């Protein structure tokens, strides 16, 4: 059985914040189950890594938690956040402090192909 979960957030539509719940909650649960978990932001979803963006989004307005607060919950559970270098060209380098590393496409491909990694994409 694999011991790592890599979640690639690529096409998630920030205009529909309800789409954001599943990747963060699944990552949090997997980390609580003691799997190694990382979320990599790239493409359209890379905007979530910009300072000020996730703080303004609510998965559900009545829920009262911003997407940024849910990201911090995931971090507290042990989820590691990374951003793809090509995404920085699109969204800039003013990133939330929860981003621990910048990775390239070769890293993503290498990890996705590893037998010990399960990859989800959103």
C-alpha atoms as a PDB file:
ATOM      1  CA  UNK A   1       0.000   0.000   0.000  1.00  0.00           C
ATOM      2  CA  UNK A   2       1.192   3.498  -0.808  1.00  0.00           C
ATOM      3  CA  UNK A   3       2.237   5.701   2.096  1.00  0.00           C
ATOM      4  CA  UNK A   4       2.029   9.084   0.377  1.00  0.00           C
ATOM      5  CA  UNK A   5      -0.889  11.102  -1.000  1.00  0.00           C
ATOM      6  CA  UNK A   6      -0.113  13.849  -3.486  1.00  0.00           C
ATOM      7  CA  UNK A   7      -3.011  16.141  -4.318  1.00  0.00           C
ATOM      8  CA  UNK A   8      -2.541  18.325  -7.366  1.00  0.00           C
ATOM      9  CA  UNK A   9      -4.843  21.318  -7.416  1.00  0.00           C
ATOM     10  CA  UNK A  10      -4.894  22.425 -11.036  1.00  0.00           C
ATOM     11  CA  UNK A  11      -8.320  23.213 -12.450  1.00  0.00           C
ATOM     12  CA  UNK A  12     -10.372  23.913  -9.353  1.00  0.00           C
ATOM     13  CA  UNK A  13     -12.583  26.920 -10.070  1.00  0.00           C
ATOM     14  CA  UNK A  14     -12.171  29.608  -7.435  1.00  0.00           C
ATOM     15  CA  UNK A  15     -15.451  31.135  -8.617  1.00  0.00           C
ATOM     16  CA  UNK A  16     -17.120  28.020  -7.181  1.00  0.00           C
ATOM     17  CA  UNK A  17     -15.540  27.681  -3.723  1.00  0.00           C
ATOM     18  CA  UNK A  18     -17.639  24.617  -2.851  1.00  0.00           C
ATOM     19  CA  UNK A  19     -15.251  22.676  -5.119  1.00  0.00           C
ATOM     20  CA  UNK A  20     -12.440  23.427  -2.687  1.00  0.00           C
ATOM     21  CA  UNK A  21     -13.754  21.410   0.253  1.00  0.00           C
ATOM     22  CA  UNK A  22     -12.907  17.905  -0.942  1.00  0.00           C
ATOM     23  CA  UNK A  23      -9.166  18.264  -1.597  1.00  0.00           C
ATOM     24  CA  UNK A  24      -8.438  20.045   1.685  1.00  0.00           C
ATOM     25  CA  UNK A  25     -10.631  17.799   3.812  1.00  0.00           C
ATOM     26  CA  UNK A  26      -9.305  14.614   2.205  1.00  0.00           C
ATOM     27  CA  UNK A  27      -5.748  15.827   2.716  1.00  0.00           C
ATOM     28  CA  UNK A  28      -6.465  16.613   6.372  1.00  0.00           C
ATOM     29  CA  UNK A  29      -7.999  13.196   6.993  1.00  0.00           C
ATOM     30  CA  UNK A  30      -5.116  11.393   5.249  1.00  0.00           C
ATOM     31  CA  UNK A  31      -2.570  13.328   7.327  1.00  0.00           C
ATOM     32  CA  UNK A  32      -4.504  12.478  10.505  1.00  0.00           C
ATOM     33  CA  UNK A  33      -4.261   8.838   9.420  1.00  0.00           C
ATOM     34  CA  UNK A  34      -0.468   9.356   9.421  1.00  0.00           C
ATOM     35  CA  UNK A  35       0.063   9.292   5.660  1.00  0.00           C
ATOM     36  CA  UNK A  36       2.549  11.694   4.139  1.00  0.00           C
ATOM     37  CA  UNK A  37       0.403  14.279   2.346  1.00  0.00           C
ATOM     38  CA  UNK A  38       1.232  17.164   0.084  1.00  0.00           C
ATOM     39  CA  UNK A  39      -0.917  19.533  -1.899  1.00  0.00           C
ATOM     40  CA  UNK A  40       0.686  21.072  -4.967  1.00  0.00           C
ATOM     41  CA  UNK A  41      -0.857  24.222  -6.402  1.00  0.00           C
ATOM     42  CA  UNK A  42      -0.521  24.739 -10.134  1.00  0.00           C
ATOM     43  CA  UNK A  43      -2.450  26.195 -13.041  1.00  0.00           C
ATOM     44  CA  UNK A  44      -5.705  28.015 -12.310  1.00  0.00           C
ATOM     45  CA  UNK A  45      -5.841  26.752  -8.718  1.00  0.00           C
ATOM     46  CA  UNK A  46      -2.394  28.214  -8.072  1.00  0.00           C
ATOM     47  CA  UNK A  47      -4.088  31.513  -7.306  1.00  0.00           C
ATOM     48  CA  UNK A  48      -5.063  30.003  -3.931  1.00  0.00           C
ATOM     49  CA  UNK A  49      -1.430  30.269  -2.890  1.00  0.00           C
ATOM     50  CA  UNK A  50      -1.428  34.055  -3.370  1.00  0.00           C
ATOM     51  CA  UNK A  51      -1.641  36.144  -0.240  1.00  0.00           C
ATOM     52  CA  UNK A  52      -5.175  37.451   0.263  1.00  0.00           C
ATOM     53  CA  UNK A  53      -7.032  35.101  -2.107  1.00  0.00           C
ATOM     54  CA  UNK A  54      -8.010  32.120   0.082  1.00  0.00           C
ATOM     55  CA  UNK A  55      -8.744  34.506   2.973  1.00  0.00           C
ATOM     56  CA  UNK A  56     -11.659  35.960   0.984  1.00  0.00           C
ATOM     57  CA  UNK A  57     -13.227  32.654  -0.104  1.00  0.00           C
ATOM     58  CA  UNK A  58     -15.794  30.668   1.851  1.00  0.00           C
ATOM     59  CA  UNK A  59     -16.691  27.092   0.939  1.00  0.00           C
ATOM     60  CA  UNK A  60     -20.121  27.868   2.340  1.00  0.00           C
ATOM     61  CA  UNK A  61     -20.935  31.339   3.602  1.00  0.00           C
ATOM     62  CA  UNK A  62     -22.907  29.895   6.524  1.00  0.00           C
ATOM     63  CA  UNK A  63     -20.029  27.603   7.523  1.00  0.00           C
ATOM     64  CA  UNK A  64     -18.073  30.611   8.715  1.00  0.00           C
ATOM     65  CA  UNK A  65     -14.608  29.297   7.769  1.00  0.00           C
ATOM     66  CA  UNK A  66     -12.575  30.701   4.961  1.00  0.00           C
ATOM     67  CA  UNK A  67     -10.639  28.496   2.573  1.00  0.00           C
ATOM     68  CA  UNK A  68      -7.499  29.878   4.173  1.00  0.00           C
ATOM     69  CA  UNK A  69      -8.630  28.684   7.612  1.00  0.00           C
ATOM     70  CA  UNK A  70      -9.260  25.223   6.158  1.00  0.00           C
ATOM     71  CA  UNK A  71      -5.778  25.300   4.629  1.00  0.00           C
ATOM     72  CA  UNK A  72      -4.317  26.129   8.054  1.00  0.00           C
ATOM     73  CA  UNK A  73      -6.278  23.227   9.583  1.00  0.00           C
ATOM     74  CA  UNK A  74      -4.721  20.922   6.982  1.00  0.00           C
ATOM     75  CA  UNK A  75      -1.260  22.284   7.739  1.00  0.00           C
ATOM     76  CA  UNK A  76      -1.811  21.671  11.449  1.00  0.00           C
ATOM     77  CA  UNK A  77      -2.735  18.055  10.635  1.00  0.00           C
ATOM     78  CA  UNK A  78       0.566  17.646   8.788  1.00  0.00           C
ATOM     79  CA  UNK A  79      -0.246  18.485   5.160  1.00  0.00           C
ATOM     80  CA  UNK A  80       2.637  20.062   3.247  1.00  0.00           C
ATOM     81  CA  UNK A  81       1.859  22.774   0.679  1.00  0.00           C
ATOM     82  CA  UNK A  82       3.969  23.297  -2.436  1.00  0.00           C
ATOM     83  CA  UNK A  83       3.635  25.382  -5.576  1.00  0.00           C
ATOM     84  CA  UNK A  84       4.779  24.646  -9.112  1.00  0.00           C
ATOM     85  CA  UNK A  85       7.409  27.015 -10.495  1.00  0.00           C
ATOM     86  CA  UNK A  86       5.428  27.670 -13.685  1.00  0.00           C
ATOM     87  CA  UNK A  87       2.531  28.863 -11.529  1.00  0.00           C
ATOM     88  CA  UNK A  88       4.672  31.638 -10.091  1.00  0.00           C
ATOM     89  CA  UNK A  89       4.969  33.088 -13.603  1.00  0.00           C
ATOM     90  CA  UNK A  90       1.167  33.349 -13.742  1.00  0.00           C
ATOM     91  CA  UNK A  91       0.211  34.406 -10.204  1.00  0.00           C
ATOM     92  CA  UNK A  92       3.388  35.990  -8.863  1.00  0.00           C
ATOM     93  CA  UNK A  93       5.490  35.297  -5.817  1.00  0.00           C
ATOM     94  CA  UNK A  94       3.466  36.962  -3.044  1.00  0.00           C
ATOM     95  CA  UNK A  95       2.583  33.630  -1.424  1.00  0.00           C
ATOM     96  CA  UNK A  96       0.893  32.613   1.813  1.00  0.00           C
ATOM     97  CA  UNK A  97       3.474  31.533   4.406  1.00  0.00           C
ATOM     98  CA  UNK A  98       2.061  27.979   4.425  1.00  0.00           C
ATOM     99  CA  UNK A  99       3.788  27.243   1.093  1.00  0.00           C
ATOM    100  CA  UNK A 100       6.895  25.316   2.081  1.00  0.00           C
ATOM    101  CA  UNK A 101       8.535  24.722  -1.271  1.00  0.00           C
ATOM    102  CA  UNK A 102       8.548  25.500  -4.965  1.00  0.00           C
ATOM    103  CA  UNK A 103       8.740  22.423  -7.185  1.00  0.00           C
ATOM    104  CA  UNK A 104       9.094  21.876 -10.914  1.00  0.00           C
ATOM    105  CA  UNK A 105       7.220  19.716 -13.351  1.00  0.00           C
ATOM    106  CA  UNK A 106       9.852  16.971 -13.121  1.00  0.00           C
ATOM    107  CA  UNK A 107       9.194  16.670  -9.373  1.00  0.00           C
ATOM    108  CA  UNK A 108       5.454  16.298  -9.954  1.00  0.00           C
ATOM    109  CA  UNK A 109       5.924  13.647 -12.646  1.00  0.00           C
ATOM    110  CA  UNK A 110       8.513  11.754 -10.589  1.00  0.00           C
ATOM    111  CA  UNK A 111       6.315  11.673  -7.477  1.00  0.00           C
ATOM    112  CA  UNK A 112       3.173  10.763  -9.437  1.00  0.00           C
ATOM    113  CA  UNK A 113       4.968   7.823 -11.033  1.00  0.00           C
ATOM    114  CA  UNK A 114       6.351   6.523  -7.728  1.00  0.00           C
ATOM    115  CA  UNK A 115       4.715   3.270  -6.568  1.00  0.00           C
ATOM    116  CA  UNK A 116       4.526   4.602  -3.004  1.00  0.00           C
ATOM    117  CA  UNK A 117       2.430   7.628  -4.030  1.00  0.00           C
ATOM    118  CA  UNK A 118      -1.258   7.905  -4.793  1.00  0.00           C
ATOM    119  CA  UNK A 119      -2.142  11.032  -6.778  1.00  0.00           C
ATOM    120  CA  UNK A 120      -5.483  12.859  -6.775  1.00  0.00           C
ATOM    121  CA  UNK A 121      -6.104  15.812  -9.064  1.00  0.00           C
ATOM    122  CA  UNK A 122      -8.653  18.564  -8.704  1.00  0.00           C
END
